[in-house]
Amino acid sequence: MTATTHPVHPVLSARRRWTVLAVCCLSMFLVGLDTTIVNVGLPAIGRGLDVDTRGLEWIVDAYTLVLAGLLISSGALADRFGRRRVFRSGLVLFGAASLVCALAPSAGVLVAGRALQGVGASMLSPVALAIVVNAMPDPKERARAIGVWASVFGLSMAAGPVTGGALLAGLDWRALFWINAPVVVAALLLTAVFVPESRAQRPRPLDLPGQVLLTVVLTVVVGVLIEGPRIGWTSPAALAGYAGAVVATAAFVRVESRRREPLMDLSLFGRPVFSGAVVGAVAVFVALSATLLLNTLYLQHTRGWTPLAAGVAALPLAAGATVCAPWSGRMVGRTGPRLPLLLAGGFITAGGLCLVRLTPHTGVLLLLAAYALIGIGFGFANAPITNTAVNGLPPARAGVAGAITSTARQLGSALGIALAGGLVAAAGPAELAQASRPGWLLVAGCGALLFLVAHASQPKETAAVPASP
């Protein structure tokens, strides 16, 4: 995402650095809030627009696919034209797209609005993270800041389901998108006052062939996963999709390996530490998005809970993430990423296993305990994954590392929705609990994968560094 970066402004004071972090975190809150509000409102959207489960998957994944595909190019644009300028443009576009969603007369228009939201969001998270990384030159301070950054996602998860449920209790699903307006306005005002402008001295050129091919790969892979249950996994259309994904991936690798400044620097994947961080990002967000979707459909369709009750049930997950994310950031600063990754893997695995025998009458305490375990695991995972990806490389390559990791997160979100939705797409309310059981095995498997990521997370030359007091 960045070439060698030279700050335009002198080193900021501690108070100004943490103020910049707070303002940038507001964008992360906006992106996360929108995800969780929409998730808890999916049944209401389905009833309002007469959309089945497969259509609801597209409403979620239209956002995450576009976001994943454009993250790196948005970072390159920010390096060229100014990070604050692109960040503010993203806020305006996100707000305008939210209005399109709120006024959507059909599912098609809503999907298009969600895709436009993804374009705006692609200008927020990676650009804001680049601003934060450049504002925090000290590695330990940066690790703590990344922990706070990760905890904001937990806060948005806490606010999203409950806020969405409360809105749906008195209004219709369109209020889920109107709520973005005051957050966008506040973020625009604070950015104008507190966030300094910065850009790369030598911005990277845009890689349009790579951008197109990456978008094709992501769309075809997720599209086949969503539509596979409907068209048949061995149908001509599905086979064409498999072939298209393979060809597009091969073309992407070929094009990127031959460009002097590619969209995605594939040589970074030759570093086990970085590759492990990317795999971990995908796994964590597959587990999170699958959990949120299965939880929403199960509680509202099978158990008959109201959206507000379903949102309150997600609070243990959000609380676990919120509490453990900054704790994880401090642990990374003291002892490195391995321990929090091991804890993340253990908690996510335990949470998934709690629900592999889910029934329509599973005890509420078990449900809440499982959600809390997954939330704790998610909280422990984010900081070490982000920190490992960024700090495992020279500073000049930290931006592109962060962008690739952000792309991996969104790819994980899209895959989690597609995989979990495919499992329950054809299930009625009575069969949904049993149909979701493989989904909980998937969540547990993602947690188990983090144990391997933890093993690769600490390079040999830094493994023996003692913990600081």
Protein backbone atom coordinates (compact mmCIF):
# COMPACT_ATOMS: atom_id res chain seq x y z
CA MET A 1 0.00 0.00 0.00
CA THR A 2 2.90 2.39 0.63
CA ALA A 3 6.28 3.10 -0.72
CA THR A 4 8.92 4.60 1.52
CA THR A 5 6.96 7.05 3.64
CA HIS A 6 8.15 10.43 4.87
CA PRO A 7 5.89 12.25 7.27
CA VAL A 8 4.81 15.70 6.22
CA HIS A 9 4.49 16.90 9.83
CA PRO A 10 6.96 16.72 12.74
CA VAL A 11 6.62 14.03 15.37
CA LEU A 12 3.33 14.46 17.20
CA SER A 13 2.99 14.83 20.96
CA ALA A 14 1.69 11.87 22.93
CA ARG A 15 -1.70 13.53 23.43
CA ARG A 16 -2.01 14.31 19.71
CA ARG A 17 -0.96 10.76 18.73
CA TRP A 18 -3.66 9.19 20.87
CA THR A 19 -6.21 11.74 19.69
CA VAL A 20 -5.43 10.74 16.11
CA LEU A 21 -5.88 7.10 17.13
CA ALA A 22 -9.28 7.88 18.65
CA VAL A 23 -10.48 9.69 15.53
CA CYS A 24 -9.27 6.93 13.22
CA CYS A 25 -10.85 4.29 15.44
CA LEU A 26 -14.20 5.98 14.84
CA SER A 27 -13.99 4.83 11.23
CA MET A 28 -13.39 1.26 12.38
CA PHE A 29 -16.39 1.61 14.66
CA LEU A 30 -18.49 2.78 11.72
CA VAL A 31 -17.46 -0.17 9.53
CA GLY A 32 -18.01 -2.70 12.32
CA LEU A 33 -21.28 -1.14 13.45
CA ASP A 34 -22.68 -1.41 9.94
CA THR A 35 -21.74 -5.08 9.72
CA THR A 36 -23.34 -6.10 12.99
CA ILE A 37 -26.45 -3.96 12.61
CA VAL A 38 -27.12 -5.45 9.19
CA ASN A 39 -26.46 -8.96 10.49
CA VAL A 40 -29.06 -8.81 13.24
CA GLY A 41 -31.52 -7.24 10.81
CA LEU A 42 -31.23 -9.89 8.07
CA PRO A 43 -34.52 -11.66 8.93
CA ALA A 44 -36.37 -8.33 8.88
CA ILE A 45 -34.76 -7.39 5.56
CA GLY A 46 -35.72 -10.79 4.17
CA ARG A 47 -39.35 -10.25 5.15
CA GLY A 48 -39.42 -6.65 3.98
CA LEU A 49 -37.97 -7.29 0.53
CA ASP A 50 -39.03 -10.94 0.12
CA VAL A 51 -35.44 -12.22 0.02
CA ASP A 52 -34.37 -15.80 0.82
CA THR A 53 -31.23 -16.83 2.72
CA ARG A 54 -29.13 -16.84 -0.43
CA GLY A 55 -30.17 -13.29 -1.24
CA LEU A 56 -29.34 -12.24 2.30
CA GLU A 57 -25.85 -13.67 1.84
CA TRP A 58 -25.36 -11.39 -1.16
CA ILE A 59 -26.56 -8.39 0.85
CA VAL A 60 -23.76 -9.07 3.35
CA ASP A 61 -21.08 -10.22 0.92
CA ALA A 62 -21.60 -7.45 -1.67
CA TYR A 63 -20.11 -5.18 1.00
CA THR A 64 -17.24 -7.41 2.09
CA LEU A 65 -16.25 -8.48 -1.44
CA VAL A 66 -15.92 -4.93 -2.72
CA LEU A 67 -14.15 -3.91 0.47
CA ALA A 68 -11.67 -6.78 0.17
CA GLY A 69 -11.01 -6.15 -3.49
CA LEU A 70 -10.31 -2.41 -3.20
CA LEU A 71 -8.39 -2.12 0.07
CA ILE A 72 -4.92 -2.11 -1.47
CA SER A 73 -5.78 0.24 -4.35
CA SER A 74 -7.42 2.64 -1.89
CA GLY A 75 -4.19 2.64 0.08
CA ALA A 76 -2.23 3.47 -3.06
CA LEU A 77 -4.62 6.33 -3.83
CA ALA A 78 -4.18 7.61 -0.27
CA ASP A 79 -0.39 7.56 -0.64
CA ARG A 80 -0.66 9.57 -3.86
CA PHE A 81 -3.39 12.11 -3.05
CA GLY A 82 -3.13 12.28 0.75
CA ARG A 83 -4.37 9.93 3.45
CA ARG A 84 -6.64 12.41 5.17
CA ARG A 85 -8.18 13.45 1.84
CA VAL A 86 -8.95 9.87 0.83
CA PHE A 87 -10.15 9.07 4.35
CA ARG A 88 -12.65 11.95 4.25
CA SER A 89 -13.76 10.97 0.75
CA GLY A 90 -14.41 7.47 2.02
CA LEU A 91 -16.57 8.83 4.82
CA VAL A 92 -18.66 10.88 2.38
CA LEU A 93 -19.09 7.93 0.01
CA PHE A 94 -19.97 5.58 2.85
CA GLY A 95 -22.60 8.01 4.10
CA ALA A 96 -24.10 8.48 0.63
CA ALA A 97 -24.22 4.71 0.09
CA SER A 98 -25.97 4.28 3.43
CA LEU A 99 -28.71 6.59 2.18
CA VAL A 100 -29.07 4.46 -0.97
CA CYS A 101 -29.47 1.38 1.25
CA ALA A 102 -31.99 3.11 3.49
CA LEU A 103 -34.13 4.09 0.50
CA ALA A 104 -33.68 0.83 -1.49
CA PRO A 105 -36.98 -0.30 -3.07
CA SER A 106 -35.70 -3.77 -3.94
CA ALA A 107 -33.07 -6.33 -3.03
CA GLY A 108 -31.07 -5.48 -6.15
CA VAL A 109 -30.80 -1.83 -5.20
CA LEU A 110 -29.88 -2.80 -1.65
CA VAL A 111 -27.09 -5.08 -2.89
CA ALA A 112 -25.82 -2.26 -5.12
CA GLY A 113 -25.91 0.15 -2.18
CA ARG A 114 -24.01 -2.32 -0.03
CA ALA A 115 -21.37 -2.64 -2.76
CA LEU A 116 -21.05 1.16 -2.82
CA GLN A 117 -20.66 1.11 0.96
CA GLY A 118 -17.79 -1.32 0.41
CA VAL A 119 -16.08 1.20 -1.87
CA GLY A 120 -16.33 3.85 0.83
CA ALA A 121 -15.22 1.48 3.58
CA SER A 122 -12.15 0.51 1.54
CA MET A 123 -10.99 4.11 1.99
CA LEU A 124 -11.42 3.97 5.77
CA SER A 125 -9.85 1.00 7.56
CA PRO A 126 -6.47 0.61 5.76
CA VAL A 127 -5.96 4.35 5.37
CA ALA A 128 -6.78 5.00 9.02
CA LEU A 129 -4.47 2.18 10.10
CA ALA A 130 -1.67 3.69 7.99
CA ILE A 131 -2.27 7.02 9.72
CA VAL A 132 -2.08 5.33 13.13
CA VAL A 133 1.06 3.32 12.29
CA ASN A 134 2.83 6.46 11.07
CA ALA A 135 1.74 8.41 14.15
CA MET A 136 3.11 5.73 16.53
CA PRO A 137 6.84 5.28 15.78
CA ASP A 138 7.60 3.35 18.98
CA PRO A 139 6.94 -0.41 18.51
CA LYS A 140 5.56 -0.95 22.02
CA GLU A 141 3.30 2.09 21.83
CA ARG A 142 2.19 0.90 18.40
CA ALA A 143 1.37 -2.54 19.80
CA ARG A 144 -0.81 -0.96 22.48
CA ALA A 145 -2.45 1.27 19.89
CA ILE A 146 -3.21 -1.72 17.68
CA GLY A 147 -4.76 -3.42 20.70
CA VAL A 148 -7.04 -0.42 21.19
CA TRP A 149 -7.76 -0.43 17.45
CA ALA A 150 -8.78 -4.09 17.64
CA SER A 151 -10.96 -3.49 20.69
CA VAL A 152 -12.99 -0.94 18.75
CA PHE A 153 -14.32 -3.75 16.62
CA GLY A 154 -15.56 -5.40 19.78
CA LEU A 155 -17.20 -2.16 20.85
CA SER A 156 -18.93 -1.88 17.48
CA MET A 157 -20.13 -5.45 17.85
CA ALA A 158 -21.52 -4.57 21.27
CA ALA A 159 -23.32 -1.51 19.93
CA GLY A 160 -24.41 -3.03 16.62
CA PRO A 161 -26.70 -5.91 17.63
CA VAL A 162 -28.31 -4.06 20.54
CA THR A 163 -28.71 -0.81 18.60
CA GLY A 164 -30.06 -2.72 15.61
CA GLY A 165 -32.46 -4.71 17.76
CA ALA A 166 -33.71 -1.56 19.47
CA LEU A 167 -34.24 0.18 16.13
CA LEU A 168 -36.12 -2.81 14.74
CA ALA A 169 -38.32 -2.93 17.84
CA GLY A 170 -39.81 0.46 16.98
CA LEU A 171 -38.92 1.05 13.30
CA ASP A 172 -38.35 -0.97 10.15
CA TRP A 173 -35.06 -2.28 8.76
CA ARG A 174 -34.30 0.96 6.90
CA ALA A 175 -33.38 2.59 10.21
CA LEU A 176 -30.34 0.28 10.29
CA PHE A 177 -28.78 2.44 7.57
CA TRP A 178 -30.08 5.86 8.64
CA ILE A 179 -28.13 5.45 11.89
CA ASN A 180 -24.84 5.85 9.98
CA ALA A 181 -25.51 9.53 9.24
CA PRO A 182 -24.58 11.04 12.65
CA VAL A 183 -21.47 8.85 12.92
CA VAL A 184 -20.28 9.95 9.47
CA VAL A 185 -20.86 13.62 10.30
CA ALA A 186 -18.98 13.33 13.61
CA ALA A 187 -16.05 11.53 11.97
CA LEU A 188 -15.81 14.17 9.22
CA LEU A 189 -15.69 17.02 11.72
CA LEU A 190 -13.12 15.36 13.98
CA THR A 191 -10.92 14.40 11.04
CA ALA A 192 -10.86 17.99 9.80
CA VAL A 193 -9.73 19.22 13.21
CA PHE A 194 -7.31 16.61 14.48
CA VAL A 195 -5.91 14.35 11.72
CA PRO A 196 -2.83 15.72 9.89
CA GLU A 197 -2.39 15.18 6.18
CA SER A 198 0.33 12.78 5.05
CA ARG A 199 1.35 11.02 1.87
CA ALA A 200 4.18 8.95 0.46
CA GLN A 201 7.07 10.87 -1.07
CA ARG A 202 7.06 8.42 -3.97
CA PRO A 203 3.54 6.97 -4.27
CA ARG A 204 3.10 3.58 -5.86
CA PRO A 205 1.34 3.50 -9.24
CA LEU A 206 -2.07 1.88 -9.52
CA ASP A 207 -2.03 -1.69 -10.81
CA LEU A 208 -5.27 -1.86 -12.81
CA PRO A 209 -4.73 -5.37 -14.29
CA GLY A 210 -3.97 -6.75 -10.84
CA GLN A 211 -6.98 -4.93 -9.36
CA VAL A 212 -9.35 -6.36 -11.96
CA LEU A 213 -7.99 -9.90 -11.60
CA LEU A 214 -8.12 -9.80 -7.79
CA THR A 215 -11.75 -8.66 -7.91
CA VAL A 216 -12.60 -11.44 -10.36
CA VAL A 217 -10.94 -14.09 -8.18
CA LEU A 218 -12.74 -13.00 -5.01
CA THR A 219 -16.13 -12.61 -6.70
CA VAL A 220 -16.02 -15.95 -8.50
CA VAL A 221 -14.86 -17.93 -5.46
CA VAL A 222 -17.45 -16.45 -3.10
CA GLY A 223 -20.14 -16.48 -5.77
CA VAL A 224 -19.72 -20.20 -6.38
CA LEU A 225 -19.88 -20.87 -2.64
CA ILE A 226 -23.12 -18.87 -2.30
CA GLU A 227 -24.84 -20.19 -5.42
CA GLY A 228 -23.48 -23.75 -5.25
CA PRO A 229 -26.39 -25.18 -3.22
CA ARG A 230 -28.86 -23.73 -5.73
CA ILE A 231 -27.14 -24.55 -9.04
CA GLY A 232 -25.56 -27.83 -7.89
CA TRP A 233 -21.90 -28.37 -7.11
CA THR A 234 -21.32 -30.44 -10.27
CA SER A 235 -23.51 -28.40 -12.63
CA PRO A 236 -21.99 -26.85 -15.77
CA ALA A 237 -22.27 -23.39 -14.19
CA ALA A 238 -20.40 -24.52 -11.07
CA LEU A 239 -17.70 -26.25 -13.12
CA ALA A 240 -17.29 -23.08 -15.18
CA GLY A 241 -16.93 -21.15 -11.94
CA TYR A 242 -14.20 -23.49 -10.68
CA ALA A 243 -12.33 -23.17 -13.96
CA GLY A 244 -12.75 -19.39 -13.96
CA ALA A 245 -11.37 -19.12 -10.44
CA VAL A 246 -8.31 -21.22 -11.32
CA VAL A 247 -7.61 -19.28 -14.52
CA ALA A 248 -8.09 -15.88 -12.87
CA THR A 249 -5.84 -16.88 -9.95
CA ALA A 250 -3.11 -18.11 -12.27
CA ALA A 251 -3.35 -14.91 -14.31
CA PHE A 252 -3.20 -12.81 -11.16
CA VAL A 253 -0.06 -14.58 -9.95
CA ARG A 254 1.57 -14.24 -13.37
CA VAL A 255 0.75 -10.55 -13.74
CA GLU A 256 1.78 -9.64 -10.19
CA SER A 257 5.07 -11.56 -10.35
CA ARG A 258 6.09 -9.59 -13.45
CA ARG A 259 5.23 -6.09 -12.30
CA ARG A 260 7.88 -3.92 -10.69
CA GLU A 261 5.34 -2.47 -8.23
CA PRO A 262 2.44 -4.92 -8.07
CA LEU A 263 -0.89 -4.48 -6.36
CA MET A 264 0.01 -7.37 -4.05
CA ASP A 265 3.67 -8.13 -3.41
CA LEU A 266 3.59 -11.93 -3.62
CA SER A 267 7.19 -12.19 -2.37
CA LEU A 268 5.92 -11.29 1.11
CA PHE A 269 4.26 -14.70 1.29
CA GLY A 270 7.71 -16.26 1.24
CA ARG A 271 8.07 -15.13 4.87
CA PRO A 272 6.43 -17.71 7.17
CA VAL A 273 5.64 -15.07 9.79
CA PHE A 274 3.73 -12.93 7.31
CA SER A 275 2.00 -15.88 5.64
CA GLY A 276 0.88 -17.13 9.03
CA ALA A 277 -0.60 -13.73 9.87
CA VAL A 278 -2.60 -13.73 6.63
CA VAL A 279 -3.89 -17.27 7.19
CA GLY A 280 -4.77 -16.34 10.76
CA ALA A 281 -6.68 -13.26 9.62
CA VAL A 282 -8.76 -15.34 7.22
CA ALA A 283 -9.45 -18.02 9.84
CA VAL A 284 -10.47 -15.58 12.59
CA PHE A 285 -12.93 -13.73 10.40
CA VAL A 286 -14.38 -16.92 8.91
CA ALA A 287 -15.14 -17.97 12.48
CA LEU A 288 -16.55 -14.57 13.46
CA SER A 289 -18.79 -14.05 10.43
CA ALA A 290 -20.08 -17.63 10.54
CA THR A 291 -20.90 -17.22 14.23
CA LEU A 292 -22.79 -13.95 13.71
CA LEU A 293 -24.83 -15.31 10.80
CA LEU A 294 -25.69 -18.66 12.43
CA ASN A 295 -26.53 -16.91 15.70
CA THR A 296 -28.92 -14.46 14.01
CA LEU A 297 -30.76 -17.07 11.95
CA TYR A 298 -30.96 -19.62 14.76
CA LEU A 299 -32.22 -17.27 17.46
CA GLN A 300 -34.75 -15.43 15.28
CA HIS A 301 -35.96 -18.23 13.01
CA THR A 302 -35.69 -21.33 15.20
CA ARG A 303 -36.13 -19.87 18.68
CA GLY A 304 -38.49 -17.07 17.63
CA TRP A 305 -36.55 -14.39 19.51
CA THR A 306 -37.01 -10.72 18.68
CA PRO A 307 -34.15 -8.84 17.00
CA LEU A 308 -33.49 -7.01 20.27
CA ALA A 309 -33.25 -10.27 22.23
CA ALA A 310 -30.95 -11.74 19.59
CA GLY A 311 -28.80 -8.61 19.77
CA VAL A 312 -28.55 -8.80 23.56
CA ALA A 313 -27.53 -12.47 23.26
CA ALA A 314 -24.48 -11.36 21.26
CA LEU A 315 -23.28 -9.13 24.08
CA PRO A 316 -21.05 -11.81 25.69
CA LEU A 317 -19.25 -12.20 22.36
CA ALA A 318 -18.78 -8.45 22.00
CA ALA A 319 -17.79 -8.00 25.65
CA GLY A 320 -15.15 -10.72 25.41
CA ALA A 321 -13.66 -9.11 22.31
CA THR A 322 -13.74 -5.63 23.83
CA VAL A 323 -12.04 -6.63 27.09
CA CYS A 324 -9.42 -8.95 25.62
CA ALA A 325 -8.30 -6.95 22.58
CA PRO A 326 -6.37 -4.24 24.50
CA TRP A 327 -5.08 -6.89 26.91
CA SER A 328 -3.81 -8.80 23.91
CA GLY A 329 -2.11 -5.68 22.58
CA ARG A 330 -0.22 -5.27 25.86
CA MET A 331 0.77 -8.95 25.80
CA VAL A 332 2.14 -8.58 22.29
CA GLY A 333 4.19 -5.57 23.40
CA ARG A 334 5.66 -7.50 26.34
CA THR A 335 6.13 -11.08 25.17
CA GLY A 336 5.34 -11.24 21.46
CA PRO A 337 2.39 -12.66 19.53
CA ARG A 338 2.62 -16.38 20.33
CA LEU A 339 0.82 -16.49 23.70
CA PRO A 340 -2.22 -14.40 22.68
CA LEU A 341 -2.54 -16.46 19.49
CA LEU A 342 -2.52 -19.69 21.51
CA LEU A 343 -5.18 -18.26 23.80
CA ALA A 344 -7.23 -17.14 20.79
CA GLY A 345 -7.07 -20.59 19.24
CA GLY A 346 -8.07 -22.30 22.46
CA PHE A 347 -11.06 -20.07 23.16
CA ILE A 348 -12.44 -20.08 19.60
CA THR A 349 -12.08 -23.86 19.37
CA ALA A 350 -13.84 -24.34 22.71
CA GLY A 351 -16.66 -21.99 21.71
CA GLY A 352 -17.29 -23.78 18.44
CA LEU A 353 -17.23 -27.21 20.06
CA CYS A 354 -19.84 -26.11 22.60
CA LEU A 355 -22.41 -25.84 19.79
CA VAL A 356 -21.64 -28.81 17.54
CA ARG A 357 -24.68 -30.59 18.96
CA LEU A 358 -26.99 -27.58 18.78
CA THR A 359 -30.73 -28.29 19.01
CA PRO A 360 -33.83 -26.07 18.98
CA HIS A 361 -33.87 -26.33 22.78
CA THR A 362 -30.20 -25.87 23.67
CA GLY A 363 -29.86 -24.09 27.02
CA VAL A 364 -29.45 -20.33 26.93
CA LEU A 365 -26.51 -20.45 29.34
CA LEU A 366 -24.61 -22.76 27.00
CA LEU A 367 -25.33 -20.45 24.07
CA LEU A 368 -24.11 -17.40 25.97
CA ALA A 369 -21.01 -19.24 27.21
CA ALA A 370 -20.13 -20.33 23.66
CA TYR A 371 -20.55 -16.80 22.33
CA ALA A 372 -18.38 -15.44 25.15
CA LEU A 373 -15.62 -17.96 24.42
CA ILE A 374 -15.60 -17.06 20.72
CA GLY A 375 -15.57 -13.35 21.56
CA ILE A 376 -12.64 -13.77 23.94
CA GLY A 377 -10.75 -15.70 21.28
CA PHE A 378 -11.48 -13.02 18.71
CA GLY A 379 -10.26 -10.34 21.10
CA PHE A 380 -6.98 -12.14 21.69
CA ALA A 381 -6.42 -12.80 17.97
CA ASN A 382 -6.61 -9.43 16.26
CA ALA A 383 -3.68 -7.57 17.82
CA PRO A 384 -1.03 -10.30 17.35
CA ILE A 385 -2.14 -10.93 13.76
CA THR A 386 -1.97 -7.23 12.82
CA ASN A 387 1.24 -6.63 14.74
CA THR A 388 2.93 -9.70 13.27
CA ALA A 389 2.07 -8.70 9.72
CA VAL A 390 3.25 -5.11 10.13
CA ASN A 391 6.32 -5.60 12.34
CA GLY A 392 7.62 -8.72 10.60
CA LEU A 393 8.74 -6.58 7.65
CA PRO A 394 10.89 -3.49 7.00
CA PRO A 395 9.06 -0.23 7.78
CA ALA A 396 8.89 0.69 4.09
CA ARG A 397 6.73 -2.40 3.48
CA ALA A 398 4.51 -2.13 6.53
CA GLY A 399 1.73 -0.40 4.63
CA VAL A 400 1.31 -3.10 2.01
CA ALA A 401 1.52 -5.75 4.74
CA GLY A 402 -1.31 -4.10 6.64
CA ALA A 403 -3.37 -3.79 3.47
CA ILE A 404 -2.95 -7.46 2.58
CA THR A 405 -3.92 -8.47 6.10
CA SER A 406 -7.01 -6.25 5.93
CA THR A 407 -7.90 -7.86 2.61
CA ALA A 408 -7.51 -11.29 4.23
CA ARG A 409 -9.90 -10.27 7.02
CA GLN A 410 -12.59 -9.23 4.58
CA LEU A 411 -12.05 -12.34 2.48
CA GLY A 412 -12.53 -14.36 5.66
CA SER A 413 -15.76 -12.50 6.39
CA ALA A 414 -17.09 -13.17 2.89
CA LEU A 415 -16.08 -16.84 3.03
CA GLY A 416 -17.62 -17.29 6.48
CA ILE A 417 -20.97 -15.88 5.31
CA ALA A 418 -20.90 -17.97 2.12
CA LEU A 419 -19.96 -21.21 3.87
CA ALA A 420 -22.32 -20.84 6.83
CA GLY A 421 -25.15 -19.57 4.66
CA GLY A 422 -24.75 -22.47 2.26
CA LEU A 423 -25.16 -24.93 5.11
CA VAL A 424 -28.52 -23.54 6.24
CA ALA A 425 -29.88 -22.04 2.99
CA ALA A 426 -32.35 -24.88 2.41
CA ALA A 427 -33.19 -25.53 6.08
CA GLY A 428 -36.50 -24.52 7.60
CA PRO A 429 -36.76 -23.18 11.17
CA ALA A 430 -37.12 -26.68 12.62
CA GLU A 431 -34.10 -28.07 10.75
CA LEU A 432 -31.83 -25.05 11.04
CA ALA A 433 -30.18 -26.06 14.31
CA GLN A 434 -29.06 -29.43 12.98
CA ALA A 435 -28.08 -27.96 9.61
CA SER A 436 -25.82 -25.45 11.37
CA ARG A 437 -23.79 -28.08 13.23
CA PRO A 438 -21.10 -28.34 10.50
CA GLY A 439 -20.84 -24.57 10.73
CA TRP A 440 -19.86 -24.80 14.38
CA LEU A 441 -17.29 -27.44 13.46
CA LEU A 442 -15.96 -24.92 10.95
CA VAL A 443 -15.66 -22.32 13.73
CA ALA A 444 -13.79 -24.81 15.92
CA GLY A 445 -11.52 -25.74 13.02
CA CYS A 446 -10.62 -22.09 12.47
CA GLY A 447 -9.65 -21.86 16.12
CA ALA A 448 -7.48 -24.96 15.84
CA LEU A 449 -5.73 -23.44 12.82
CA LEU A 450 -4.55 -20.58 15.02
CA PHE A 451 -2.33 -23.01 16.93
CA LEU A 452 -0.34 -23.50 13.72
CA VAL A 453 -0.29 -19.76 13.12
CA ALA A 454 1.06 -19.25 16.65
CA HIS A 455 3.88 -21.69 15.93
CA ALA A 456 4.95 -19.62 12.92
CA SER A 457 4.29 -16.23 14.47
CA GLN A 458 7.64 -15.54 16.10
CA PRO A 459 10.77 -15.49 13.96
CA LYS A 460 13.80 -17.25 15.40
CA GLU A 461 15.84 -14.10 15.75
CA THR A 462 13.23 -12.50 18.05
CA ALA A 463 11.98 -15.57 19.85
CA ALA A 464 14.52 -15.31 22.66
CA VAL A 465 14.00 -11.65 23.47
CA PRO A 466 12.97 -11.44 27.16
CA ALA A 467 9.69 -9.84 28.11
CA SER A 468 9.93 -6.24 29.22
CA PRO A 469 8.56 -5.39 32.66
